[in-house]
PDB file of N, CA and C in Angstrom:
ATOM      1  N   MET A   1     -20.324 -12.034   7.437  1.00  0.00           N
ATOM      2  CA  MET A   1     -19.033 -10.929   6.508  1.00  0.00           C
ATOM      3  C   MET A   1     -18.028 -11.938   5.839  1.00  0.00           C
ATOM      4  N   SER A   2     -18.117 -11.422   4.556  1.00  0.00           N
ATOM      5  CA  SER A   2     -17.013 -11.831   3.599  1.00  0.00           C
ATOM      6  C   SER A   2     -15.784 -11.564   3.952  1.00  0.00           C
ATOM      7  N   GLU A   3     -14.493 -12.402   3.453  1.00  0.00           N
ATOM      8  CA  GLU A   3     -13.560 -12.596   3.580  1.00  0.00           C
ATOM      9  C   GLU A   3     -12.847 -11.524   2.377  1.00  0.00           C
ATOM     10  N   VAL A   4     -11.921 -10.099   2.721  1.00  0.00           N
ATOM     11  CA  VAL A   4     -11.292  -9.439   1.975  1.00  0.00           C
ATOM     12  C   VAL A   4     -10.291  -9.680   0.929  1.00  0.00           C
ATOM     13  N   THR A   5     -11.215 -10.122  -0.585  1.00  0.00           N
ATOM     14  CA  THR A   5     -10.354 -10.413  -1.788  1.00  0.00           C
ATOM     15  C   THR A   5      -9.122  -9.751  -1.825  1.00  0.00           C
ATOM     16  N   PHE A   6      -8.029 -10.645  -2.294  1.00  0.00           N
ATOM     17  CA  PHE A   6      -6.757  -9.354  -3.189  1.00  0.00           C
ATOM     18  C   PHE A   6      -7.297  -8.617  -3.785  1.00  0.00           C
ATOM     19  N   GLU A   7      -7.940  -8.604  -4.802  1.00  0.00           N
ATOM     20  CA  GLU A   7      -8.979  -7.942  -5.437  1.00  0.00           C
ATOM     21  C   GLU A   7      -8.953  -5.980  -4.663  1.00  0.00           C
ATOM     22  N   MET A   8      -9.537  -6.973  -3.532  1.00  0.00           N
ATOM     23  CA  MET A   8      -9.901  -5.549  -2.723  1.00  0.00           C
ATOM     24  C   MET A   8      -9.588  -4.748  -1.691  1.00  0.00           C
ATOM     25  N   TYR A   9      -8.007  -5.759  -2.109  1.00  0.00           N
ATOM     26  CA  TYR A   9      -6.970  -5.424  -1.545  1.00  0.00           C
ATOM     27  C   TYR A   9      -6.555  -4.296  -1.623  1.00  0.00           C
ATOM     28  N   MET A  10      -6.193  -4.491  -2.592  1.00  0.00           N
ATOM     29  CA  MET A  10      -5.399  -4.260  -3.803  1.00  0.00           C
ATOM     30  C   MET A  10      -5.749  -2.678  -3.913  1.00  0.00           C
ATOM     31  N   LYS A  11      -6.912  -2.673  -4.203  1.00  0.00           N
ATOM     32  CA  LYS A  11      -7.863  -1.374  -4.100  1.00  0.00           C
ATOM     33  C   LYS A  11      -7.664  -0.418  -3.271  1.00  0.00           C
ATOM     34  N   ALA A  12      -7.474  -0.913  -2.113  1.00  0.00           N
ATOM     35  CA  ALA A  12      -6.736  -0.442  -0.961  1.00  0.00           C
ATOM     36  C   ALA A  12      -5.942   0.341  -0.957  1.00  0.00           C
ATOM     37  N   VAL A  13      -5.260  -0.404  -1.504  1.00  0.00           N
ATOM     38  CA  VAL A  13      -3.466   0.231  -1.890  1.00  0.00           C
ATOM     39  C   VAL A  13      -3.292   1.277  -2.388  1.00  0.00           C
ATOM     40  N   ASN A  14      -4.309   0.804  -3.902  1.00  0.00           N
ATOM     41  CA  ASN A  14      -4.210   2.127  -4.241  1.00  0.00           C
ATOM     42  C   ASN A  14      -5.073   3.766  -4.282  1.00  0.00           C
ATOM     43  N   ARG A  15      -5.768   3.405  -2.960  1.00  0.00           N
ATOM     44  CA  ARG A  15      -6.295   4.141  -3.219  1.00  0.00           C
ATOM     45  C   ARG A  15      -5.738   5.095  -2.084  1.00  0.00           C
ATOM     46  N   ILE A  16      -5.074   4.594  -1.345  1.00  0.00           N
ATOM     47  CA  ILE A  16      -4.455   5.636  -0.233  1.00  0.00           C
ATOM     48  C   ILE A  16      -3.568   5.477  -0.750  1.00  0.00           C
ATOM     49  N   LEU A  17      -2.602   5.318  -2.123  1.00  0.00           N
ATOM     50  CA  LEU A  17      -1.588   5.604  -2.195  1.00  0.00           C
ATOM     51  C   LEU A  17      -1.739   6.750  -3.615  1.00  0.00           C
ATOM     52  N   THR A  18      -3.099   6.661  -4.366  1.00  0.00           N
ATOM     53  CA  THR A  18      -3.463   7.817  -5.315  1.00  0.00           C
ATOM     54  C   THR A  18      -3.757   9.052  -3.955  1.00  0.00           C
ATOM     55  N   ASP A  19      -4.180   8.998  -3.333  1.00  0.00           N
ATOM     56  CA  ASP A  19      -4.528   9.922  -2.241  1.00  0.00           C
ATOM     57  C   ASP A  19      -3.240  10.749  -1.307  1.00  0.00           C
ATOM     58  N   ARG A  20      -2.389  10.091  -1.343  1.00  0.00           N
ATOM     59  CA  ARG A  20      -0.973  10.545  -1.148  1.00  0.00           C
ATOM     60  C   ARG A  20      -0.536  11.344  -1.818  1.00  0.00           C
ATOM     61  N   VAL A  21      -0.185  10.350  -2.966  1.00  0.00           N
ATOM     62  CA  VAL A  21       0.941  10.733  -3.948  1.00  0.00           C
ATOM     63  C   VAL A  21       0.562  10.480  -5.390  1.00  0.00           C
ATOM     64  N   MET A  22      -1.033  10.898  -5.597  1.00  0.00           N
ATOM     65  CA  MET A  22      -1.386  10.463  -7.036  1.00  0.00           C
ATOM     66  C   MET A  22      -0.455   9.777  -8.103  1.00  0.00           C
ATOM     67  N   LEU A  23      -0.034   8.661  -7.593  1.00  0.00           N
ATOM     68  CA  LEU A  23       0.415   7.453  -8.108  1.00  0.00           C
ATOM     69  C   LEU A  23      -0.314   5.979  -7.511  1.00  0.00           C
ATOM     70  N   SER A  24      -0.136   5.012  -8.233  1.00  0.00           N
ATOM     71  CA  SER A  24      -0.556   3.910  -7.770  1.00  0.00           C
ATOM     72  C   SER A  24       0.901   2.605  -7.955  1.00  0.00           C
ATOM     73  N   SER A  25       0.001   1.543  -7.067  1.00  0.00           N
ATOM     74  CA  SER A  25       0.756   0.277  -7.710  1.00  0.00           C
ATOM     75  C   SER A  25       1.675   0.409  -8.578  1.00  0.00           C
ATOM     76  N   GLN A  26       0.920   0.391  -9.597  1.00  0.00           N
ATOM     77  CA  GLN A  26       1.483  -0.226 -10.711  1.00  0.00           C
ATOM     78  C   GLN A  26       2.388   1.407 -11.034  1.00  0.00           C
ATOM     79  N   ASP A  27       2.404   2.568 -10.365  1.00  0.00           N
ATOM     80  CA  ASP A  27       3.709   3.201 -10.920  1.00  0.00           C
ATOM     81  C   ASP A  27       4.523   3.173 -10.014  1.00  0.00           C
ATOM     82  N   LEU A  28       4.489   2.245  -9.395  1.00  0.00           N
ATOM     83  CA  LEU A  28       6.065   2.255  -7.828  1.00  0.00           C
ATOM     84  C   LEU A  28       6.582   0.579  -8.584  1.00  0.00           C
ATOM     85  N   PRO A  29       8.132   0.858  -7.925  1.00  0.00           N
ATOM     86  CA  PRO A  29       8.521  -0.431  -8.198  1.00  0.00           C
ATOM     87  C   PRO A  29       7.890  -1.095  -7.220  1.00  0.00           C
ATOM     88  N   ASP A  30       8.047  -2.740  -8.330  1.00  0.00           N
ATOM     89  CA  ASP A  30       7.422  -4.256  -8.108  1.00  0.00           C
ATOM     90  C   ASP A  30       7.607  -4.460  -5.867  1.00  0.00           C
ATOM     91  N   ILE A  31       6.661  -4.624  -5.577  1.00  0.00           N
ATOM     92  CA  ILE A  31       6.829  -5.409  -3.945  1.00  0.00           C
ATOM     93  C   ILE A  31       6.080  -6.262  -4.134  1.00  0.00           C
ATOM     94  N   ALA A  32       6.352  -7.347  -2.821  1.00  0.00           N
ATOM     95  CA  ALA A  32       5.456  -9.047  -2.116  1.00  0.00           C
ATOM     96  C   ALA A  32       4.010  -8.694  -1.966  1.00  0.00           C
ATOM     97  N   TYR A  33       2.800  -8.042  -2.756  1.00  0.00           N
ATOM     98  CA  TYR A  33       1.473  -7.560  -2.313  1.00  0.00           C
ATOM     99  C   TYR A  33       1.193  -8.384  -2.554  1.00  0.00           C
ATOM    100  N   TYR A  34       1.102  -9.496  -2.486  1.00  0.00           N
ATOM    101  CA  TYR A  34       0.394 -10.512  -1.838  1.00  0.00           C
ATOM    102  C   TYR A  34       0.432 -11.551  -1.417  1.00  0.00           C
ATOM    103  N   ASP A  35       2.273 -11.234  -0.775  1.00  0.00           N
ATOM    104  CA  ASP A  35       2.525 -11.845   0.242  1.00  0.00           C
ATOM    105  C   ASP A  35       1.936 -11.040   1.672  1.00  0.00           C
ATOM    106  N   MET A  36       1.928 -10.169   1.577  1.00  0.00           N
ATOM    107  CA  MET A  36       2.019  -9.117   2.524  1.00  0.00           C
ATOM    108  C   MET A  36       0.470  -9.339   3.123  1.00  0.00           C
ATOM    109  N   TYR A  37      -0.457  -9.447   1.877  1.00  0.00           N
ATOM    110  CA  TYR A  37      -1.364  -9.533   1.671  1.00  0.00           C
ATOM    111  C   TYR A  37      -1.935 -10.611   2.612  1.00  0.00           C
ATOM    112  N   ASN A  38      -1.333 -12.451   2.120  1.00  0.00           N
ATOM    113  CA  ASN A  38      -1.810 -13.149   3.187  1.00  0.00           C
ATOM    114  C   ASN A  38      -1.005 -13.199   4.598  1.00  0.00           C
ATOM    115  N   ASP A  39      -0.104 -12.475   4.902  1.00  0.00           N
ATOM    116  CA  ASP A  39       0.763 -12.347   6.109  1.00  0.00           C
ATOM    117  C   ASP A  39      -0.426 -11.448   6.743  1.00  0.00           C
ATOM    118  N   GLY A  40      -1.586 -10.875   6.248  1.00  0.00           N
ATOM    119  CA  GLY A  40      -2.361  -9.929   7.443  1.00  0.00           C
ATOM    120  C   GLY A  40      -1.616  -8.599   7.458  1.00  0.00           C
ATOM    121  N   VAL A  41      -0.649  -7.929   6.452  1.00  0.00           N
ATOM    122  CA  VAL A  41      -0.803  -6.672   6.062  1.00  0.00           C
ATOM    123  C   VAL A  41      -1.318  -6.065   5.876  1.00  0.00           C
ATOM    124  N   THR A  42      -1.314  -4.656   6.627  1.00  0.00           N
ATOM    125  CA  THR A  42      -2.641  -3.866   6.484  1.00  0.00           C
ATOM    126  C   THR A  42      -2.745  -3.070   4.916  1.00  0.00           C
ATOM    127  N   PRO A  43      -3.276  -2.758   4.084  1.00  0.00           N
ATOM    128  CA  PRO A  43      -3.436  -1.816   2.945  1.00  0.00           C
ATOM    129  C   PRO A  43      -2.820  -0.230   3.176  1.00  0.00           C
ATOM    130  N   ALA A  44      -2.490   0.258   4.800  1.00  0.00           N
ATOM    131  CA  ALA A  44      -1.879   1.179   5.098  1.00  0.00           C
ATOM    132  C   ALA A  44      -0.530   0.663   5.204  1.00  0.00           C
ATOM    133  N   GLU A  45      -0.121  -0.619   5.931  1.00  0.00           N
ATOM    134  CA  GLU A  45       1.150  -0.984   6.199  1.00  0.00           C
ATOM    135  C   GLU A  45       2.274  -1.328   4.567  1.00  0.00           C
ATOM    136  N   ALA A  46       1.135  -1.880   3.584  1.00  0.00           N
ATOM    137  CA  ALA A  46       2.025  -1.836   1.856  1.00  0.00           C
ATOM    138  C   ALA A  46       1.918  -1.288   1.802  1.00  0.00           C
ATOM    139  N   ALA A  47       1.255   0.419   1.519  1.00  0.00           N
ATOM    140  CA  ALA A  47       1.555   1.391   1.103  1.00  0.00           C
ATOM    141  C   ALA A  47       2.672   2.132   1.720  1.00  0.00           C
ATOM    142  N   GLN A  48       2.579   1.984   2.570  1.00  0.00           N
ATOM    143  CA  GLN A  48       3.707   2.789   3.309  1.00  0.00           C
ATOM    144  C   GLN A  48       5.082   1.720   2.801  1.00  0.00           C
ATOM    145  N   GLU A  49       5.280   0.828   2.313  1.00  0.00           N
ATOM    146  CA  GLU A  49       6.481   0.117   2.135  1.00  0.00           C
ATOM    147  C   GLU A  49       6.760  -0.131   1.053  1.00  0.00           C
ATOM    148  N   ALA A  50       5.580   0.943  -0.221  1.00  0.00           N
ATOM    149  CA  ALA A  50       5.929   0.608  -1.536  1.00  0.00           C
ATOM    150  C   ALA A  50       6.759   1.828  -1.548  1.00  0.00           C
ATOM    151  N   LEU A  51       6.229   2.705  -0.587  1.00  0.00           N
ATOM    152  CA  LEU A  51       6.604   4.258  -0.978  1.00  0.00           C
ATOM    153  C   LEU A  51       8.083   4.004  -0.308  1.00  0.00           C
ATOM    154  N   ILE A  52       8.446   3.188   0.801  1.00  0.00           N
ATOM    155  CA  ILE A  52      10.177   2.656   1.444  1.00  0.00           C
ATOM    156  C   ILE A  52      10.712   2.752   0.388  1.00  0.00           C
ATOM    157  N   GLU A  53       9.698   1.392  -0.562  1.00  0.00           N
ATOM    158  CA  GLU A  53      10.515   1.019  -2.096  1.00  0.00           C
ATOM    159  C   GLU A  53      11.409   1.648  -2.908  1.00  0.00           C
ATOM    160  N   ALA A  54      10.489   2.494  -3.195  1.00  0.00           N
ATOM    161  CA  ALA A  54      10.516   3.546  -4.229  1.00  0.00           C
ATOM    162  C   ALA A  54      11.156   5.420  -4.390  1.00  0.00           C
ATOM    163  N   GLY A  55      12.164   4.811  -2.745  1.00  0.00           N
ATOM    164  CA  GLY A  55      12.654   6.221  -2.006  1.00  0.00           C
ATOM    165  C   GLY A  55      12.123   7.097  -1.438  1.00  0.00           C
ATOM    166  N   ALA A  56      10.811   7.540  -1.125  1.00  0.00           N
ATOM    167  CA  ALA A  56       9.829   8.539  -0.636  1.00  0.00           C
ATOM    168  C   ALA A  56      10.729   9.239   0.502  1.00  0.00           C
ATOM    169  N   PRO A  57      10.367  10.365   0.726  1.00  0.00           N
ATOM    170  CA  PRO A  57      11.318  10.914   2.123  1.00  0.00           C
ATOM    171  C   PRO A  57      10.088  10.212   3.231  1.00  0.00           C
ATOM    172  N   ASP A  58      10.785  10.591   4.336  1.00  0.00           N
ATOM    173  CA  ASP A  58      10.007   9.701   5.772  1.00  0.00           C
ATOM    174  C   ASP A  58       8.568  10.916   5.836  1.00  0.00           C
ATOM    175  N   GLU A  59       8.786  11.996   5.733  1.00  0.00           N
ATOM    176  CA  GLU A  59       7.310  12.899   5.661  1.00  0.00           C
ATOM    177  C   GLU A  59       6.364  12.263   4.970  1.00  0.00           C
ATOM    178  N   LEU A  60       6.550  11.754   4.006  1.00  0.00           N
ATOM    179  CA  LEU A  60       5.452  11.282   3.140  1.00  0.00           C
ATOM    180  C   LEU A  60       5.500   9.974   3.227  1.00  0.00           C
ATOM    181  N   ILE A  61       5.837   9.048   3.457  1.00  0.00           N
ATOM    182  CA  ILE A  61       5.643   7.722   4.238  1.00  0.00           C
ATOM    183  C   ILE A  61       4.549   7.593   5.790  1.00  0.00           C
ATOM    184  N   ASN A  62       5.885   8.523   6.136  1.00  0.00           N
ATOM    185  CA  ASN A  62       4.843   9.062   7.906  1.00  0.00           C
ATOM    186  C   ASN A  62       3.725   9.225   7.751  1.00  0.00           C
ATOM    187  N   SER A  63       2.889  10.084   6.843  1.00  0.00           N
ATOM    188  CA  SER A  63       1.677  10.825   6.640  1.00  0.00           C
ATOM    189  C   SER A  63       0.252   9.671   6.209  1.00  0.00           C
ATOM    190  N   ILE A  64       1.137   8.414   6.181  1.00  0.00           N
ATOM    191  CA  ILE A  64       0.345   7.486   5.845  1.00  0.00           C
ATOM    192  C   ILE A  64      -0.852   7.209   7.698  1.00  0.00           C
ATOM    193  N   VAL A  65      -1.196   7.585   7.591  1.00  0.00           N
ATOM    194  CA  VAL A  65      -1.777   6.635   8.951  1.00  0.00           C
ATOM    195  C   VAL A  65      -1.977   4.797   9.028  1.00  0.00           C
ATOM    196  N   VAL A  66      -1.341   4.469   9.889  1.00  0.00           N
ATOM    197  CA  VAL A  66      -1.297   3.106   9.968  1.00  0.00           C
ATOM    198  C   VAL A  66      -2.316   2.492  11.263  1.00  0.00           C
ATOM    199  N   SER A  67      -3.454   2.148  11.407  1.00  0.00           N
ATOM    200  CA  SER A  67      -4.363   1.820  12.337  1.00  0.00           C
ATOM    201  C   SER A  67      -3.889   0.575  12.889  1.00  0.00           C
TER     202      SER A  67
END
């Protein structure tokens, strides 16, 4: 099985974000996605962090299922 690349990771983050808020990571404030990727943060957790930094309401942030 191959390792998840950063490109694959960001595609997953963006898929989660566009499903929830119809925006991508490019539309939200910059956060340290690469550091999160290296630290083993899941794409769902990264999407939540992006929404937190953007000031999204808690109910929207909590609507992202983190496994």
